[in-house]
Protein backbone atom coordinates (compact mmCIF):
# COMPACT_ATOMS: atom_id res chain seq x y z
CA UNK A 1 -9.53 -5.94 -8.32
CA UNK A 2 -12.36 -7.60 -6.35
CA UNK A 3 -13.90 -4.50 -4.56
CA UNK A 4 -16.47 -5.41 -2.01
CA UNK A 5 -17.90 -3.51 0.91
CA UNK A 6 -20.11 -6.04 2.02
CA UNK A 7 -18.34 -6.47 5.32
CA UNK A 8 -18.19 -2.82 6.27
CA UNK A 9 -20.55 -2.24 9.34
CA UNK A 10 -21.42 1.34 8.41
CA UNK A 11 -23.01 0.93 5.01
CA UNK A 12 -23.76 4.64 5.06
CA UNK A 13 -20.04 5.22 4.66
CA UNK A 14 -18.98 3.35 1.72
CA UNK A 15 -16.30 5.01 -0.41
CA UNK A 16 -17.32 4.62 -4.19
CA UNK A 17 -14.90 2.07 -6.16
CA UNK A 18 -14.11 4.91 -8.51
CA UNK A 19 -12.72 7.05 -5.58
CA UNK A 20 -11.10 3.97 -4.07
CA UNK A 21 -9.08 3.42 -7.20
CA UNK A 22 -8.23 7.06 -7.26
CA UNK A 23 -6.72 6.86 -3.60
CA UNK A 24 -4.87 3.53 -4.48
CA UNK A 25 -3.41 5.16 -7.55
CA UNK A 26 -2.41 8.50 -5.79
CA UNK A 27 -2.27 7.82 -2.06
CA UNK A 28 1.09 9.09 -0.64
CA UNK A 29 1.79 6.24 1.68
CA UNK A 30 0.09 3.13 3.06
CA UNK A 31 0.59 1.15 6.12
CA UNK A 32 1.53 -2.58 5.83
CA UNK A 33 0.38 -4.86 8.51
CA UNK A 34 1.75 -8.11 8.96
CA UNK A 35 1.80 -11.32 11.43
CA UNK A 36 4.78 -12.52 12.85
CA UNK A 37 5.62 -15.46 15.40
CA UNK A 38 4.16 -15.15 18.92
CA UNK A 39 7.45 -13.74 20.08
CA UNK A 40 7.53 -10.57 17.88
CA UNK A 41 3.69 -9.95 17.72
CA UNK A 42 1.85 -8.18 14.82
CA UNK A 43 3.86 -5.57 12.82
CA UNK A 44 2.59 -2.43 10.99
CA UNK A 45 4.61 -0.09 9.28
CA UNK A 46 4.15 3.00 6.90
CA UNK A 47 5.59 2.38 3.39
CA UNK A 48 5.70 4.27 -0.01
CA UNK A 49 4.06 2.11 -2.76
CA UNK A 50 2.95 2.06 -6.47
CA UNK A 51 0.11 0.09 -7.75
CA UNK A 52 0.82 -1.36 -11.15
CA UNK A 53 -2.85 -0.16 -12.25
CA UNK A 54 -3.97 -3.96 -12.15
CA UNK A 55 -3.99 -6.30 -9.21
CA UNK A 56 -0.76 -5.57 -7.59
CA UNK A 57 1.14 -3.24 -5.43
CA UNK A 58 4.91 -2.80 -5.18
CA UNK A 59 6.95 -1.87 -2.17
CA UNK A 60 10.65 -1.49 -1.88
CA UNK A 61 12.89 -2.30 1.12
CA UNK A 62 16.22 -3.48 2.18
CA UNK A 63 17.12 -7.22 1.00
CA UNK A 64 16.71 -8.30 5.04
CA UNK A 65 14.75 -7.20 7.92
CA UNK A 66 11.60 -7.63 9.87
CA UNK A 67 8.94 -7.14 6.92
CA UNK A 68 10.80 -9.91 5.01
CA UNK A 69 10.83 -12.19 8.04
CA UNK A 70 7.08 -11.43 8.54
CA UNK A 71 6.14 -12.65 4.94
CA UNK A 72 8.32 -15.59 5.30
CA UNK A 73 6.30 -16.50 8.36
CA UNK A 74 3.02 -15.65 6.73
CA UNK A 75 2.38 -14.06 3.67
CA UNK A 76 -1.32 -12.81 4.13
CA UNK A 77 -0.82 -9.09 4.82
CA UNK A 78 -3.15 -6.26 4.94
CA UNK A 79 -2.48 -2.85 3.36
CA UNK A 80 -4.39 0.45 4.33
CA UNK A 81 -4.24 3.62 2.43
CA UNK A 82 -5.58 6.89 4.17
CA UNK A 83 -6.40 9.83 1.88
CA UNK A 84 -7.84 13.03 3.10
CA UNK A 85 -8.68 13.82 6.79
CA UNK A 86 -10.21 16.56 8.30
CA UNK A 87 -10.82 17.22 12.00
CA UNK A 88 -13.90 18.86 13.00
CA UNK A 89 -13.19 19.74 16.53
CA UNK A 90 -16.63 21.21 17.69
CA UNK A 91 -18.48 18.14 16.41
CA UNK A 92 -16.02 15.62 17.87
CA UNK A 93 -15.34 13.90 14.37
CA UNK A 94 -13.16 13.53 11.59
CA UNK A 95 -13.87 13.49 7.98
CA UNK A 96 -11.73 10.83 6.22
CA UNK A 97 -11.41 8.44 3.25
CA UNK A 98 -9.47 5.17 3.31
CA UNK A 99 -9.00 1.85 1.41
CA UNK A 100 -8.15 -1.43 3.02
CA UNK A 101 -6.78 -4.24 0.73
CA UNK A 102 -6.46 -8.05 1.77
CA UNK A 103 -3.20 -9.04 0.02
CA UNK A 104 -0.72 -11.83 -0.50
CA UNK A 105 2.82 -10.79 -0.30
CA UNK A 106 5.49 -12.12 -2.78
CA UNK A 107 9.05 -11.91 -2.50
CA UNK A 108 11.93 -13.13 -4.55
CA UNK A 109 10.70 -11.71 -7.80
CA UNK A 110 12.83 -11.79 -10.91
CA UNK A 111 15.24 -8.95 -11.83
CA UNK A 112 13.05 -7.79 -14.61
CA UNK A 113 9.99 -7.40 -12.47
CA UNK A 114 12.03 -5.82 -9.53
CA UNK A 115 13.61 -3.26 -12.00
CA UNK A 116 10.18 -2.59 -13.31
CA UNK A 117 8.83 -1.71 -9.86
CA UNK A 118 11.47 0.60 -9.07
CA UNK A 119 10.78 2.57 -12.22
CA UNK A 120 7.12 2.68 -11.31
CA UNK A 121 8.25 4.17 -7.80
CA UNK A 122 10.47 6.79 -9.63
CA UNK A 123 7.68 7.62 -12.08
CA UNK A 124 5.41 8.02 -9.06
CA UNK A 125 7.39 9.92 -6.55
CA UNK A 126 10.08 11.45 -8.85
CA UNK A 127 8.61 12.13 -12.18
CA UNK A 128 10.79 14.99 -12.71
CA UNK A 129 14.10 13.22 -11.82
CA UNK A 130 13.81 9.91 -14.12
CA UNK A 131 17.37 10.11 -15.36
CA UNK A 132 18.94 10.38 -11.79
CA UNK A 133 16.35 8.05 -10.61
CA UNK A 134 17.52 5.60 -13.07
CA UNK A 135 21.16 6.01 -12.31
CA UNK A 136 20.26 5.56 -8.56
CA UNK A 137 18.46 2.25 -9.31
CA UNK A 138 21.25 1.03 -11.16
CA UNK A 139 23.76 1.81 -8.31
CA UNK A 140 21.78 0.61 -5.82
CA UNK A 141 19.76 -2.62 -7.29
CA UNK A 142 22.06 -5.12 -5.52
CA UNK A 143 20.79 -3.91 -2.21
CA UNK A 144 17.08 -3.46 -2.66
CA UNK A 145 14.40 -6.06 -2.46
CA UNK A 146 10.85 -5.52 -3.67
CA UNK A 147 7.80 -6.91 -2.27
CA UNK A 148 4.57 -7.65 -4.47
CA UNK A 149 1.28 -7.43 -2.80
CA UNK A 150 -1.28 -9.23 -5.00
CA UNK A 151 -4.60 -7.88 -4.09
CA UNK A 152 -7.42 -10.32 -3.39
CA UNK A 153 -10.12 -8.24 -2.07
CA UNK A 154 -10.33 -4.24 -1.40
CA UNK A 155 -12.93 -2.31 0.51
CA UNK A 156 -13.24 1.41 0.96
CA UNK A 157 -14.71 3.68 3.75
CA UNK A 158 -15.40 7.66 3.97
CA UNK A 159 -16.94 10.09 6.14
CA UNK A 160 -18.23 13.46 4.97
CA UNK A 161 -19.92 15.73 7.56
CA UNK A 162 -22.48 18.35 6.71
CA UNK A 163 -21.76 21.46 8.72
């Protein structure tokens, strides 16, 4: 993964690469932001995801819908994962950590890769229910699409407040 924080204006708020990878691995959800044609405008949506511990993220969705139309229009996407946050009201600020990924979205993956991605999602979100999860995958596989986000660049930012 090409981890670079050169574009971040506040160089005093850089998230270390190790912490960014931990957030990428363990984050609960991310926001997928896409471009559409001019009539629909931009589109961002929170989604569950799983990182393959290499250069890609997998997202599952229905085999048709706005996400897929957006990707067909333009496969350049952004994916943002927000970790821990803490509002400090008397200082009018927020502690946070986040990772932003610049990606190329891929659809139309072969069955083997789609099945692998679904098993990775079960491992992440339902590790105690793998047997039932596998049955569910097999039952609903025909109505499930997988989007692979190939990570081209990543950056991370955080803010810690001293009290």
